[in-house]
Amino acid sequence: MAVRWIAPTFGGPEVLTLVETEVPPPAEGEVTIDVRAAGVNPADYKHLAAGRGPDRPLPLLIGYEVAGVLSAVGPGTEIASGGGASGDPVVAFRISGGYASQVTVPAKDVFAKPAALDYPAAANLLLAGATAAEALHVTRVAAGETILVHGASGAVGVSVLQQARLICARVVGTASERNFDLVRGFGAEPIAYGPGLMDRVRAAAPEGVAAVIDTVGTDEAIDSAGELLADAGRAVTIVVSDRSRAAGVTAIGGAQPASAAFRDAVRARLLDLAADGRLVVPVARTFPLDEALAAIELVRGTHPGGKVALIP
C-alpha cells in the first residue's frame, strides 16, 4: 500500500489527512512513479480553499510536481520525452496528488529527470520555472532590456533571474537585505522594498524599466507598474487582486487555460536548460512525507531561503 495526503473537506492545510491507498496499475497512456521527492508550493495549499472553481469532487488531492523512478509503464506507452522503462528516473508536472509515496499519472506529463538535478531539486523545477517563463513571455522581455522583478529571491523570482539572463535582459530585483547576495549570485541587482522604492529603482535603472514582474502581490509592487511603465500591458502578476485588476496588470495562473497551455509547452525546454546546468533550483530544506504540514507551514511563513521538498 502507498500513502498519500488528501483533503476530505475544503479549508486550509489543517484539513489534510495522511491515508493509505492502493495505487491503480497504469493503463495505456499512464505510468506509475515511485516518488522520491515531491515539490512543495504555495499553489498546493491554496488549491484546498473553497470557491476556487466548480466541480471539484472531494476528497481533494494535493501536489502538482514530483520526481521519482518509474515502477510500471502502461501498455504501448511512452513518456513525454520518449521511451520510459521501469527504473528510469523521471519528473512529472501538472499532475494531481503528488504528496504521495507512489502515483499513477498520465505519461504526457512525465519526462526524463535531468542528471544535473537531484530528486528534491528536480521535484521543484517545473512549477516555478514554467511560471517564470510565462511571466517573461507575457511581458515580451527582450535582449538588452531592463526589467523590475518583485520578490526576486523567491522561487519564481530566482527562476526569472536565470531565464532573463539567458535572453540577455538586465534585472533589478526587490528583496530583503539578507537575500541580496542570493539575488546578485543570479546576475541581478538587488534593491530593498519599502518606502522610497521608486527612487531606488530609478537610481538603479536610470535608463528606465521595460517590464515589471510581480511575484509577491504587494500594493507597492502593483503600484510600481503604473509609476514606471508607459504600457501596463508589460506588467504581470502571479497574485491577482482588486488592485491589480484596477491597474490593468495582467494576472497569470495555472488554472487559466492560456497559462496551462503555455506551461505545458515549456516543460521540455526548462528540463533541457536544467540538464545543461543553465537552470538550477536552490533547495532550502526537505521533510519526511508524513511531516507535510510542517513543510507547508514553512512555505507559508517567512522566506525559507529556497525550495522545500517532501521525501517519502
Protein backbone atom coordinates (compact mmCIF):
# COMPACT_ATOMS: atom_id res chain seq x y z
CA MET A 1 0.00 0.00 0.00
CA ALA A 2 1.10 3.54 -0.76
CA VAL A 3 0.33 6.59 1.37
CA ARG A 4 -0.88 10.00 0.26
CA TRP A 5 -2.24 13.22 1.69
CA ILE A 6 -5.87 14.08 0.93
CA ALA A 7 -8.29 16.82 1.95
CA PRO A 8 -11.69 15.30 2.86
CA THR A 9 -13.18 18.83 3.04
CA PHE A 10 -12.34 22.30 1.74
CA GLY A 11 -10.30 24.52 4.01
CA GLY A 12 -6.70 25.23 4.95
CA PRO A 13 -3.79 22.82 5.41
CA GLU A 14 -5.30 21.69 8.71
CA VAL A 15 -7.88 19.60 6.81
CA LEU A 16 -5.18 17.39 5.26
CA THR A 17 -5.08 13.73 6.29
CA LEU A 18 -2.45 11.08 5.52
CA VAL A 19 -4.12 7.87 4.35
CA GLU A 20 -3.13 4.51 2.94
CA THR A 21 -4.18 3.96 -0.65
CA GLU A 22 -3.97 1.31 -3.31
CA VAL A 23 -2.42 2.83 -6.43
CA PRO A 24 -4.04 1.51 -9.62
CA PRO A 25 -1.76 -0.09 -12.22
CA PRO A 26 -1.13 2.10 -15.24
CA ALA A 27 -3.47 1.79 -18.19
CA GLU A 28 -2.49 2.73 -21.72
CA GLY A 29 -1.15 6.30 -21.67
CA GLU A 30 -0.23 6.12 -17.97
CA VAL A 31 2.81 5.33 -15.84
CA THR A 32 3.35 4.62 -12.17
CA ILE A 33 6.08 6.52 -10.31
CA ASP A 34 7.72 5.62 -7.02
CA VAL A 35 8.06 9.13 -5.63
CA ARG A 36 11.49 10.14 -4.35
CA ALA A 37 10.60 13.80 -3.74
CA ALA A 38 7.51 15.99 -4.03
CA GLY A 39 7.74 19.74 -4.56
CA VAL A 40 6.00 21.99 -2.02
CA ASN A 41 4.46 25.15 -3.48
CA PRO A 42 2.04 27.85 -2.29
CA ALA A 43 -0.31 26.69 -5.05
CA ASP A 44 -0.65 23.36 -3.26
CA TYR A 45 -2.38 24.61 -0.13
CA LYS A 46 -4.24 27.38 -1.97
CA HIS A 47 -5.84 24.59 -4.01
CA LEU A 48 -7.61 23.39 -0.86
CA ALA A 49 -9.70 26.53 -0.35
CA ALA A 50 -13.40 26.60 -1.16
CA GLY A 51 -14.63 28.73 -4.04
CA ARG A 52 -11.72 28.05 -6.40
CA GLY A 53 -13.81 26.72 -9.24
CA PRO A 54 -16.78 24.41 -9.77
CA ASP A 55 -16.91 20.65 -9.98
CA ARG A 56 -14.08 19.77 -7.64
CA PRO A 57 -15.06 16.43 -6.13
CA LEU A 58 -13.87 15.56 -2.64
CA PRO A 59 -11.50 14.36 -1.39
CA LEU A 60 -9.02 16.77 -2.93
CA LEU A 61 -5.53 15.57 -3.77
CA ILE A 62 -2.53 17.84 -3.21
CA GLY A 63 0.79 18.31 -5.02
CA TYR A 64 1.50 19.26 -8.64
CA GLU A 65 5.07 18.06 -9.18
CA VAL A 66 7.24 15.10 -8.21
CA ALA A 67 10.50 13.38 -9.08
CA GLY A 68 10.98 9.67 -8.77
CA VAL A 69 11.52 6.36 -10.52
CA LEU A 70 9.22 4.60 -12.97
CA SER A 71 7.89 1.41 -11.44
CA ALA A 72 5.39 0.46 -14.17
CA VAL A 73 4.51 1.63 -17.68
CA GLY A 74 1.11 1.19 -19.32
CA PRO A 75 0.79 -0.90 -22.47
CA GLY A 76 2.16 0.79 -25.58
CA THR A 77 3.05 3.89 -23.59
CA GLU A 78 5.99 6.31 -23.79
CA ILE A 79 6.65 9.25 -21.51
CA ALA A 80 6.63 12.78 -22.95
CA SER A 81 10.38 12.86 -23.52
CA GLY A 82 10.29 9.46 -25.27
CA GLY A 83 10.77 5.89 -24.11
CA GLY A 84 10.46 5.09 -20.43
CA ALA A 85 11.09 1.81 -18.65
CA SER A 86 10.91 0.60 -15.07
CA GLY A 87 13.77 2.04 -13.05
CA ASP A 88 14.15 5.21 -15.12
CA PRO A 89 14.41 8.45 -13.10
CA VAL A 90 11.68 10.91 -14.10
CA VAL A 91 9.94 14.14 -13.20
CA ALA A 92 6.22 14.83 -13.50
CA PHE A 93 4.49 18.19 -13.53
CA ARG A 94 0.90 19.33 -13.72
CA ILE A 95 -0.22 16.17 -12.07
CA SER A 96 -2.65 15.71 -9.19
CA GLY A 97 -1.79 14.11 -5.86
CA GLY A 98 1.98 14.44 -5.73
CA TYR A 99 2.11 14.36 -1.91
CA ALA A 100 2.31 10.57 -2.01
CA SER A 101 4.73 7.68 -1.95
CA GLN A 102 3.53 6.40 -5.31
CA VAL A 103 1.36 7.85 -8.10
CA THR A 104 -0.14 6.68 -11.37
CA VAL A 105 -0.31 9.65 -13.75
CA PRO A 106 -0.69 10.49 -17.45
CA ALA A 107 2.53 9.72 -19.34
CA LYS A 108 2.20 13.00 -21.26
CA ASP A 109 3.13 14.82 -18.03
CA VAL A 110 6.25 12.74 -17.32
CA PHE A 111 9.79 13.47 -18.53
CA ALA A 112 13.26 12.05 -18.02
CA LYS A 113 14.91 13.60 -14.96
CA PRO A 114 17.97 15.75 -15.73
CA ALA A 115 21.04 14.07 -14.24
CA ALA A 116 22.28 17.50 -13.14
CA LEU A 117 19.46 17.77 -10.57
CA ASP A 118 18.95 15.58 -7.52
CA TYR A 119 15.42 14.45 -6.71
CA PRO A 120 14.44 17.34 -4.37
CA ALA A 121 15.64 19.94 -6.89
CA ALA A 122 14.03 18.15 -9.84
CA ALA A 123 10.73 17.95 -7.97
CA ASN A 124 10.77 21.75 -7.65
CA LEU A 125 11.90 22.79 -11.12
CA LEU A 126 8.83 22.97 -13.29
CA LEU A 127 6.06 24.80 -11.44
CA ALA A 128 8.24 27.80 -10.56
CA GLY A 129 10.18 27.55 -13.82
CA ALA A 130 7.10 27.47 -16.03
CA THR A 131 5.53 30.37 -14.12
CA ALA A 132 8.71 32.41 -14.58
CA ALA A 133 8.88 31.56 -18.28
CA GLU A 134 5.28 32.62 -18.78
CA ALA A 135 5.87 35.92 -16.96
CA LEU A 136 8.78 36.74 -19.28
CA HIS A 137 6.71 35.68 -22.31
CA VAL A 138 3.64 37.73 -21.38
CA THR A 139 5.72 40.86 -20.74
CA ARG A 140 7.64 40.35 -24.00
CA VAL A 141 11.06 40.79 -22.41
CA ALA A 142 13.83 41.06 -24.99
CA ALA A 143 17.62 41.19 -25.05
CA GLY A 144 19.09 44.45 -23.81
CA GLU A 145 16.02 45.48 -21.79
CA THR A 146 15.99 46.17 -18.06
CA ILE A 147 13.15 44.70 -16.05
CA LEU A 148 11.98 45.02 -12.44
CA VAL A 149 11.20 41.78 -10.57
CA HIS A 150 9.37 41.95 -7.25
CA GLY A 151 10.25 39.06 -4.94
CA ALA A 152 13.49 38.32 -6.77
CA SER A 153 14.79 35.93 -4.10
CA GLY A 154 11.69 33.72 -4.06
CA ALA A 155 11.28 30.52 -6.04
CA VAL A 156 9.63 32.10 -9.09
CA GLY A 157 11.85 35.16 -8.80
CA VAL A 158 15.06 33.13 -8.84
CA SER A 159 13.89 31.31 -11.96
CA VAL A 160 13.01 34.64 -13.61
CA LEU A 161 16.53 35.92 -12.86
CA GLN A 162 18.13 32.90 -14.51
CA GLN A 163 15.86 32.86 -17.54
CA ALA A 164 16.16 36.62 -18.05
CA ARG A 165 19.94 36.31 -18.03
CA LEU A 166 19.71 33.65 -20.73
CA ILE A 167 17.94 36.10 -23.04
CA CYS A 168 20.44 38.86 -22.13
CA ALA A 169 17.98 41.03 -20.20
CA ARG A 170 19.12 43.00 -17.15
CA VAL A 171 17.17 42.56 -13.90
CA VAL A 172 16.69 44.87 -10.94
CA GLY A 173 15.03 42.81 -8.20
CA THR A 174 13.43 43.63 -4.87
CA ALA A 175 14.41 41.52 -1.88
CA SER A 176 15.17 41.78 1.81
CA GLU A 177 18.78 42.76 2.50
CA ARG A 178 19.59 39.32 3.91
CA ASN A 179 18.88 37.91 0.43
CA PHE A 180 20.88 40.45 -1.58
CA ASP A 181 23.79 38.04 -2.11
CA LEU A 182 21.40 35.41 -3.48
CA VAL A 183 20.00 37.90 -5.99
CA ARG A 184 23.48 39.04 -7.00
CA GLY A 185 24.55 35.43 -7.40
CA PHE A 186 22.00 35.04 -10.19
CA GLY A 187 23.22 38.14 -12.01
CA ALA A 188 20.66 40.71 -10.87
CA GLU A 189 20.96 43.98 -8.97
CA PRO A 190 19.12 43.82 -5.64
CA ILE A 191 17.22 46.72 -4.11
CA ALA A 192 15.25 46.84 -0.88
CA TYR A 193 11.46 47.04 -0.98
CA GLY A 194 9.59 49.51 1.21
CA PRO A 195 9.33 53.31 1.36
CA GLY A 196 11.37 55.06 -1.31
CA LEU A 197 11.28 52.08 -3.66
CA MET A 198 10.59 54.09 -6.81
CA ASP A 199 13.58 56.35 -6.18
CA ARG A 200 15.80 53.29 -5.68
CA VAL A 201 14.53 51.71 -8.92
CA ARG A 202 15.20 54.89 -10.88
CA ALA A 203 18.69 55.15 -9.40
CA ALA A 204 19.45 51.52 -10.24
CA ALA A 205 17.93 51.77 -13.73
CA PRO A 206 18.28 55.34 -14.99
CA GLU A 207 17.57 54.01 -18.49
CA GLY A 208 14.10 53.02 -17.26
CA VAL A 209 12.48 49.62 -16.89
CA ALA A 210 10.76 47.94 -19.82
CA ALA A 211 8.64 45.49 -17.83
CA VAL A 212 7.54 44.68 -14.27
CA ILE A 213 7.12 41.11 -13.00
CA ASP A 214 5.38 40.79 -9.62
CA THR A 215 5.67 37.54 -7.67
CA VAL A 216 4.54 38.89 -4.27
CA GLY A 217 1.27 40.80 -4.79
CA THR A 218 2.03 43.78 -2.55
CA ASP A 219 0.46 47.17 -3.15
CA GLU A 220 3.83 48.75 -3.94
CA ALA A 221 4.57 46.02 -6.49
CA ILE A 222 1.34 46.73 -8.33
CA ASP A 223 1.70 50.50 -7.99
CA SER A 224 5.22 50.33 -9.47
CA ALA A 225 3.77 49.26 -12.80
CA GLY A 226 1.71 52.42 -13.10
CA GLU A 227 4.57 54.66 -11.98
CA LEU A 228 7.35 53.13 -14.06
CA LEU A 229 5.71 51.83 -17.24
CA ALA A 230 4.06 53.63 -20.12
CA ASP A 231 2.36 50.37 -21.13
CA ALA A 232 0.56 48.47 -18.34
CA GLY A 233 0.48 45.50 -20.71
CA ARG A 234 4.14 44.95 -19.90
CA ALA A 235 3.38 44.24 -16.24
CA VAL A 236 2.36 40.84 -14.92
CA THR A 237 1.47 39.43 -11.51
CA ILE A 238 1.02 35.93 -10.19
CA VAL A 239 -1.17 37.23 -7.32
CA VAL A 240 -4.43 38.53 -8.72
CA SER A 241 -6.20 41.21 -6.65
CA ASP A 242 -8.71 44.04 -6.99
CA ARG A 243 -5.74 46.42 -7.07
CA SER A 244 -4.02 44.57 -9.92
CA ARG A 245 -7.26 44.47 -11.90
CA ALA A 246 -7.82 48.19 -11.41
CA ALA A 247 -4.24 48.90 -12.52
CA GLY A 248 -4.66 46.83 -15.67
CA VAL A 249 -1.88 44.43 -14.67
CA THR A 250 -2.15 41.03 -16.35
CA ALA A 251 -2.55 38.12 -13.94
CA ILE A 252 -1.35 34.63 -14.82
CA GLY A 253 -2.09 31.33 -13.09
CA GLY A 254 -2.10 27.62 -13.76
CA ALA A 255 -5.89 27.42 -13.63
CA GLN A 256 -6.21 29.74 -16.64
CA PRO A 257 -6.41 27.85 -19.95
CA ALA A 258 -3.82 30.08 -21.68
CA SER A 259 -1.41 29.74 -18.76
CA ALA A 260 -1.89 26.00 -18.59
CA ALA A 261 -1.21 25.57 -22.29
CA PHE A 262 1.95 27.69 -22.18
CA ARG A 263 3.28 25.94 -19.08
CA ASP A 264 2.71 22.52 -20.59
CA ALA A 265 4.50 23.56 -23.76
CA VAL A 266 7.57 24.97 -21.98
CA ARG A 267 8.33 21.97 -19.76
CA ALA A 268 10.72 20.22 -22.14
CA ARG A 269 12.74 23.39 -22.71
CA LEU A 270 13.12 24.01 -18.99
CA LEU A 271 14.31 20.44 -18.46
CA ASP A 272 16.87 20.88 -21.24
CA LEU A 273 18.16 24.04 -19.56
CA ALA A 274 18.47 22.21 -16.26
CA ALA A 275 20.25 19.30 -17.92
CA ASP A 276 22.83 21.76 -19.31
CA GLY A 277 23.32 23.41 -15.91
CA ARG A 278 21.78 26.68 -17.10
CA LEU A 279 18.81 26.49 -14.74
CA VAL A 280 19.29 25.47 -11.12
CA VAL A 281 16.92 25.06 -8.17
CA PRO A 282 18.15 26.09 -4.71
CA VAL A 283 16.65 23.74 -2.12
CA ALA A 284 16.44 25.04 1.44
CA ARG A 285 15.08 22.01 3.27
CA THR A 286 13.49 18.60 2.95
CA PHE A 287 10.87 16.99 5.21
CA PRO A 288 9.65 13.40 5.52
CA LEU A 289 6.36 12.89 3.69
CA ASP A 290 4.50 12.46 6.97
CA GLU A 291 5.61 15.96 8.01
CA ALA A 292 3.88 17.68 5.11
CA LEU A 293 2.03 20.07 7.42
CA ALA A 294 5.33 21.34 8.83
CA ALA A 295 6.68 21.78 5.31
CA ILE A 296 3.62 23.77 4.28
CA GLU A 297 3.89 25.92 7.39
CA LEU A 298 7.48 26.79 6.48
CA VAL A 299 6.48 27.76 2.94
CA ARG A 300 3.54 29.82 4.23
CA GLY A 301 5.68 31.68 6.76
CA THR A 302 8.97 33.50 6.48
CA HIS A 303 11.14 33.14 3.38
CA PRO A 304 12.65 29.62 3.60
CA GLY A 305 15.69 30.61 1.50
CA GLY A 306 15.00 28.10 -1.27
CA LYS A 307 12.60 25.37 -2.27
CA VAL A 308 11.13 22.74 0.05
CA ALA A 309 10.57 19.07 -0.78
CA LEU A 310 8.82 16.10 0.82
CA ILE A 311 10.70 12.80 0.92
CA PRO A 312 8.60 9.59 1.16
